[in-house]
Each structure stands twice: as C-alpha cells, then as structure tokens.
Amino acid sequence: MPVGEAYPKLIHYSTNIQEGHVPDEVYDRARKVFTEKELADLTFAIAAINGWNRLNSAARTVAGTYRPAKSRAA
C-alpha cells in the first residue's frame, strides 16, 4: 500500500474513537509503509491536531478569525 493510501486510514481510525481501536489491518499496513519513528511521529501529530480541533470546537472558535497580538516595544 502506498504512503498516500496508508495515512488517511490511520488518521480516520485514530480520530474516530467511537469506532474502537485502529483495526489490525490498517495498523499492519501502516507499519509496512512507515518506519517506527515515522509512525510514532505521525501518531503524535494526529493526536496533537485532533486535540486542538476538539478545543476549538468546544470554544466555538471560528476558523480563520485568529489574529496574533501586535508586538509591544520593549
């Protein structure tokens, strides 16, 4: 399975936890495509992005409205 097909399934099952764990078939295919480090990095990235998405959803943040504060002169 090419990388382009492996990671969307991993993302889907990692973020849709109501469906249960990542199926063995999906995990086994991802292990064949990614190195152990790549798989760990991808898993942490999925968890971080999913966490931020859940926080933004709970806070009802509208995408694209964030504006950083202007720097203050010291």
C-alpha atoms as a PDB file:
ATOM      1  CA  MET A   1       0.000   0.000   0.000  1.00  0.00           C
ATOM      2  CA  PRO A   2       1.472   3.373  -0.974  1.00  0.00           C
ATOM      3  CA  VAL A   3       2.014   6.015   1.692  1.00  0.00           C
ATOM      4  CA  GLY A   4      -0.774   8.108   0.185  1.00  0.00           C
ATOM      5  CA  GLU A   5      -3.265   5.342   0.963  1.00  0.00           C
ATOM      6  CA  ALA A   6      -1.906   4.315   4.363  1.00  0.00           C
ATOM      7  CA  TYR A   7      -2.050   7.531   6.323  1.00  0.00           C
ATOM      8  CA  PRO A   8      -5.670   8.630   5.615  1.00  0.00           C
ATOM      9  CA  LYS A   9      -6.987   5.350   7.028  1.00  0.00           C
ATOM     10  CA  LEU A  10      -4.697   5.649  10.041  1.00  0.00           C
ATOM     11  CA  ILE A  11      -5.905   9.214  10.628  1.00  0.00           C
ATOM     12  CA  HIS A  12      -9.546   8.200  10.227  1.00  0.00           C
ATOM     13  CA  TYR A  13      -9.442   5.379  12.748  1.00  0.00           C
ATOM     14  CA  SER A  14      -7.173   7.289  15.150  1.00  0.00           C
ATOM     15  CA  THR A  15      -9.580  10.225  15.373  1.00  0.00           C
ATOM     16  CA  ASN A  16     -12.918   8.379  15.220  1.00  0.00           C
ATOM     17  CA  ILE A  17     -12.525   6.582  18.516  1.00  0.00           C
ATOM     18  CA  GLN A  18     -16.220   5.752  18.793  1.00  0.00           C
ATOM     19  CA  GLU A  19     -15.484   3.098  16.166  1.00  0.00           C
ATOM     20  CA  GLY A  20     -12.985   1.456  18.513  1.00  0.00           C
ATOM     21  CA  HIS A  21      -9.271   0.947  18.039  1.00  0.00           C
ATOM     22  CA  VAL A  22      -7.368   1.235  14.787  1.00  0.00           C
ATOM     23  CA  PRO A  23      -8.119  -2.064  13.019  1.00  0.00           C
ATOM     24  CA  ASP A  24      -5.221  -4.513  12.910  1.00  0.00           C
ATOM     25  CA  GLU A  25      -5.283  -4.481   9.099  1.00  0.00           C
ATOM     26  CA  VAL A  26      -4.857  -0.688   8.974  1.00  0.00           C
ATOM     27  CA  TYR A  27      -2.138  -0.688  11.626  1.00  0.00           C
ATOM     28  CA  ASP A  28      -0.242  -3.572   9.996  1.00  0.00           C
ATOM     29  CA  ARG A  29      -0.307  -1.820   6.608  1.00  0.00           C
ATOM     30  CA  ALA A  30       0.911   1.425   8.167  1.00  0.00           C
ATOM     31  CA  ARG A  31       3.785  -0.459   9.819  1.00  0.00           C
ATOM     32  CA  LYS A  32       4.828  -1.786   6.417  1.00  0.00           C
ATOM     33  CA  VAL A  33       4.858   1.706   4.892  1.00  0.00           C
ATOM     34  CA  PHE A  34       6.326   3.799   7.716  1.00  0.00           C
ATOM     35  CA  THR A  35       9.402   3.329   9.847  1.00  0.00           C
ATOM     36  CA  GLU A  36       8.834   3.020  13.584  1.00  0.00           C
ATOM     37  CA  LYS A  37       9.878   6.661  14.059  1.00  0.00           C
ATOM     38  CA  GLU A  38       7.657   7.885  11.221  1.00  0.00           C
ATOM     39  CA  LEU A  39       4.697   6.004  12.638  1.00  0.00           C
ATOM     40  CA  ALA A  40       5.330   7.439  16.105  1.00  0.00           C
ATOM     41  CA  ASP A  41       5.705  10.972  14.704  1.00  0.00           C
ATOM     42  CA  LEU A  42       2.536  10.606  12.645  1.00  0.00           C
ATOM     43  CA  THR A  43       0.609   9.260  15.638  1.00  0.00           C
ATOM     44  CA  PHE A  44       1.687  12.192  17.830  1.00  0.00           C
ATOM     45  CA  ALA A  45       0.840  14.679  15.057  1.00  0.00           C
ATOM     46  CA  ILE A  46      -2.624  13.128  14.684  1.00  0.00           C
ATOM     47  CA  ALA A  47      -3.167  13.331  18.451  1.00  0.00           C
ATOM     48  CA  ALA A  48      -1.981  16.961  18.654  1.00  0.00           C
ATOM     49  CA  ILE A  49      -4.100  18.169  15.733  1.00  0.00           C
ATOM     50  CA  ASN A  50      -7.129  16.247  16.979  1.00  0.00           C
ATOM     51  CA  GLY A  51      -6.682  17.785  20.434  1.00  0.00           C
ATOM     52  CA  TRP A  52      -6.531  21.326  19.052  1.00  0.00           C
ATOM     53  CA  ASN A  53      -9.574  20.642  16.872  1.00  0.00           C
ATOM     54  CA  ARG A  54     -11.551  19.449  19.894  1.00  0.00           C
ATOM     55  CA  LEU A  55     -10.539  22.501  21.942  1.00  0.00           C
ATOM     56  CA  ASN A  56     -11.539  24.831  19.122  1.00  0.00           C
ATOM     57  CA  SER A  57     -14.836  23.007  18.714  1.00  0.00           C
ATOM     58  CA  ALA A  58     -15.601  23.285  22.435  1.00  0.00           C
ATOM     59  CA  ALA A  59     -14.713  27.001  22.426  1.00  0.00           C
ATOM     60  CA  ARG A  60     -16.748  27.522  19.251  1.00  0.00           C
ATOM     61  CA  THR A  61     -13.781  29.178  17.605  1.00  0.00           C
ATOM     62  CA  VAL A  62     -14.429  30.210  14.012  1.00  0.00           C
ATOM     63  CA  ALA A  63     -11.654  29.118  11.668  1.00  0.00           C
ATOM     64  CA  GLY A  64      -9.645  31.992  10.197  1.00  0.00           C
ATOM     65  CA  THR A  65     -10.580  34.590  12.815  1.00  0.00           C
ATOM     66  CA  TYR A  66      -7.453  34.388  14.997  1.00  0.00           C
ATOM     67  CA  ARG A  67      -5.200  37.440  14.840  1.00  0.00           C
ATOM     68  CA  PRO A  68      -1.998  37.493  16.873  1.00  0.00           C
ATOM     69  CA  ALA A  69      -1.499  40.440  19.207  1.00  0.00           C
ATOM     70  CA  LYS A  70       0.748  43.215  17.946  1.00  0.00           C
ATOM     71  CA  SER A  71       4.234  43.190  19.421  1.00  0.00           C
ATOM     72  CA  ARG A  72       4.912  45.677  22.149  1.00  0.00           C
ATOM     73  CA  ALA A  73       8.074  47.725  22.013  1.00  0.00           C
ATOM     74  CA  ALA A  74      10.371  46.996  24.945  1.00  0.00           C
END
